Amino acid sequence: MSMRELDRFGVIQAVAERPLKPGRAAERLDMSVRKVERLVWRYRAVGVAGLVSASATREQSSIDWRCDTACAGVTRKFILTCLRAAASRS
């Protein structure tokens, strides 16, 4: 977790345990009250993992999309050829 996420955790935890109001937390974190409420809900539902940015946990692909598309096309043609060959044998 980054320092920003650790600070966010402390503030959201304080809101979840009720000593801090969502409005004050929103000011401190420079975000909307609604966003604070969503983070508190995720914190209560999932725990600390709910506060980590979703984009930080998403796996990044290192494959060029053109290569990926070409491979999918070749694979599709191969499967269709195999299915036609199996159907002609039957």
C-alpha atoms as a PDB file:
ATOM      1  CA  MET A   1       0.000   0.000   0.000  1.00  0.00           C
ATOM      2  CA  SER A   2       1.170   3.509  -0.756  1.00  0.00           C
ATOM      3  CA  MET A   3       1.295   6.236   1.893  1.00  0.00           C
ATOM      4  CA  ARG A   4      -1.802   7.790   0.333  1.00  0.00           C
ATOM      5  CA  GLU A   5      -3.694   4.510   0.656  1.00  0.00           C
ATOM      6  CA  LEU A   6      -2.523   4.125   4.273  1.00  0.00           C
ATOM      7  CA  ASP A   7      -3.839   7.604   5.094  1.00  0.00           C
ATOM      8  CA  ARG A   8      -7.084   6.787   3.314  1.00  0.00           C
ATOM      9  CA  PHE A   9      -7.326   3.572   5.355  1.00  0.00           C
ATOM     10  CA  GLY A  10      -6.977   5.462   8.650  1.00  0.00           C
ATOM     11  CA  VAL A  11      -9.620   8.015   7.701  1.00  0.00           C
ATOM     12  CA  ILE A  12     -12.085   5.430   6.337  1.00  0.00           C
ATOM     13  CA  GLN A  13     -11.566   3.248   9.414  1.00  0.00           C
ATOM     14  CA  ALA A  14     -12.366   6.253  11.622  1.00  0.00           C
ATOM     15  CA  VAL A  15     -15.577   6.875   9.664  1.00  0.00           C
ATOM     16  CA  ALA A  16     -16.518   3.184   9.877  1.00  0.00           C
ATOM     17  CA  GLU A  17     -16.009   3.197  13.658  1.00  0.00           C
ATOM     18  CA  ARG A  18     -17.986   6.472  13.878  1.00  0.00           C
ATOM     19  CA  PRO A  19     -15.605   8.989  15.542  1.00  0.00           C
ATOM     20  CA  LEU A  20     -15.270  10.852  12.214  1.00  0.00           C
ATOM     21  CA  LYS A  21     -18.144  12.059  10.035  1.00  0.00           C
ATOM     22  CA  PRO A  22     -18.124  11.379   6.275  1.00  0.00           C
ATOM     23  CA  GLY A  23     -18.165  15.108   5.468  1.00  0.00           C
ATOM     24  CA  ARG A  24     -14.968  15.765   7.436  1.00  0.00           C
ATOM     25  CA  ALA A  25     -13.351  12.683   5.904  1.00  0.00           C
ATOM     26  CA  ALA A  26     -14.275  13.936   2.416  1.00  0.00           C
ATOM     27  CA  GLU A  27     -12.577  17.257   3.121  1.00  0.00           C
ATOM     28  CA  ARG A  28      -9.457  15.570   4.456  1.00  0.00           C
ATOM     29  CA  LEU A  29      -9.200  13.133   1.545  1.00  0.00           C
ATOM     30  CA  ASP A  30     -10.249  15.726  -1.057  1.00  0.00           C
ATOM     31  CA  MET A  31     -13.102  13.625  -2.434  1.00  0.00           C
ATOM     32  CA  SER A  32     -16.899  13.681  -2.367  1.00  0.00           C
ATOM     33  CA  VAL A  33     -18.953  12.528   0.603  1.00  0.00           C
ATOM     34  CA  ARG A  34     -20.543   9.915  -1.661  1.00  0.00           C
ATOM     35  CA  LYS A  35     -17.110   8.477  -2.535  1.00  0.00           C
ATOM     36  CA  VAL A  36     -16.249   8.314   1.180  1.00  0.00           C
ATOM     37  CA  GLU A  37     -19.520   6.484   1.864  1.00  0.00           C
ATOM     38  CA  ARG A  38     -18.757   3.974  -0.913  1.00  0.00           C
ATOM     39  CA  LEU A  39     -15.268   3.372   0.498  1.00  0.00           C
ATOM     40  CA  VAL A  40     -16.695   2.848   3.992  1.00  0.00           C
ATOM     41  CA  TRP A  41     -19.208   0.355   2.577  1.00  0.00           C
ATOM     42  CA  ARG A  42     -16.418  -1.519   0.729  1.00  0.00           C
ATOM     43  CA  TYR A  43     -14.229  -1.442   3.854  1.00  0.00           C
ATOM     44  CA  ARG A  44     -17.024  -2.962   5.946  1.00  0.00           C
ATOM     45  CA  ALA A  45     -17.781  -5.579   3.275  1.00  0.00           C
ATOM     46  CA  VAL A  46     -14.265  -6.620   2.227  1.00  0.00           C
ATOM     47  CA  GLY A  47     -11.849  -5.080   4.696  1.00  0.00           C
ATOM     48  CA  VAL A  48      -8.625  -3.303   3.804  1.00  0.00           C
ATOM     49  CA  ALA A  49      -8.574  -4.936   0.357  1.00  0.00           C
ATOM     50  CA  GLY A  50     -11.651  -2.888  -0.546  1.00  0.00           C
ATOM     51  CA  LEU A  51      -9.632   0.312  -0.276  1.00  0.00           C
ATOM     52  CA  VAL A  52      -6.930  -0.667  -2.767  1.00  0.00           C
ATOM     53  CA  SER A  53      -7.452   0.836  -6.205  1.00  0.00           C
ATOM     54  CA  ALA A  54      -8.969  -1.653  -8.641  1.00  0.00           C
ATOM     55  CA  SER A  55      -6.616  -0.539 -11.385  1.00  0.00           C
ATOM     56  CA  ALA A  56      -3.655  -1.421  -9.161  1.00  0.00           C
ATOM     57  CA  THR A  57      -4.798  -5.027  -8.907  1.00  0.00           C
ATOM     58  CA  ARG A  58      -5.691  -5.470 -12.567  1.00  0.00           C
ATOM     59  CA  GLU A  59      -3.178  -7.527 -14.540  1.00  0.00           C
ATOM     60  CA  GLN A  60      -1.670  -5.606 -17.430  1.00  0.00           C
ATOM     61  CA  SER A  61      -1.262  -7.391 -20.734  1.00  0.00           C
ATOM     62  CA  SER A  62       2.105  -7.121 -22.428  1.00  0.00           C
ATOM     63  CA  ILE A  63       0.786  -8.596 -25.687  1.00  0.00           C
ATOM     64  CA  ASP A  64       0.114  -6.201 -28.548  1.00  0.00           C
ATOM     65  CA  TRP A  65      -3.615  -6.193 -29.380  1.00  0.00           C
ATOM     66  CA  ARG A  66      -2.846  -6.801 -33.077  1.00  0.00           C
ATOM     67  CA  CYS A  67      -0.918  -9.962 -32.250  1.00  0.00           C
ATOM     68  CA  ASP A  68      -3.684 -11.078 -29.893  1.00  0.00           C
ATOM     69  CA  THR A  69      -6.327 -10.537 -32.600  1.00  0.00           C
ATOM     70  CA  ALA A  70      -4.274 -12.380 -35.226  1.00  0.00           C
ATOM     71  CA  CYS A  71      -3.716 -15.352 -32.901  1.00  0.00           C
ATOM     72  CA  ALA A  72      -7.413 -15.523 -32.095  1.00  0.00           C
ATOM     73  CA  GLY A  73      -8.235 -15.562 -35.820  1.00  0.00           C
ATOM     74  CA  VAL A  74      -5.755 -18.362 -36.561  1.00  0.00           C
ATOM     75  CA  THR A  75      -7.029 -20.385 -33.603  1.00  0.00           C
ATOM     76  CA  ARG A  76     -10.642 -19.918 -34.714  1.00  0.00           C
ATOM     77  CA  LYS A  77      -9.813 -21.099 -38.266  1.00  0.00           C
ATOM     78  CA  PHE A  78      -7.940 -24.129 -36.917  1.00  0.00           C
ATOM     79  CA  ILE A  79     -10.850 -25.150 -34.670  1.00  0.00           C
ATOM     80  CA  LEU A  80     -13.357 -24.775 -37.512  1.00  0.00           C
ATOM     81  CA  THR A  81     -11.134 -26.862 -39.815  1.00  0.00           C
ATOM     82  CA  CYS A  82     -10.878 -29.599 -37.167  1.00  0.00           C
ATOM     83  CA  LEU A  83     -14.633 -29.591 -36.590  1.00  0.00           C
ATOM     84  CA  ARG A  84     -15.343 -29.838 -40.338  1.00  0.00           C
ATOM     85  CA  ALA A  85     -12.853 -32.690 -40.704  1.00  0.00           C
ATOM     86  CA  ALA A  86     -14.448 -34.544 -37.772  1.00  0.00           C
ATOM     87  CA  ALA A  87     -17.925 -34.003 -39.206  1.00  0.00           C
ATOM     88  CA  SER A  88     -16.890 -35.298 -42.645  1.00  0.00           C
ATOM     89  CA  ARG A  89     -15.529 -38.517 -41.081  1.00  0.00           C
ATOM     90  CA  SER A  90     -18.811 -39.256 -39.368  1.00  0.00           C
END
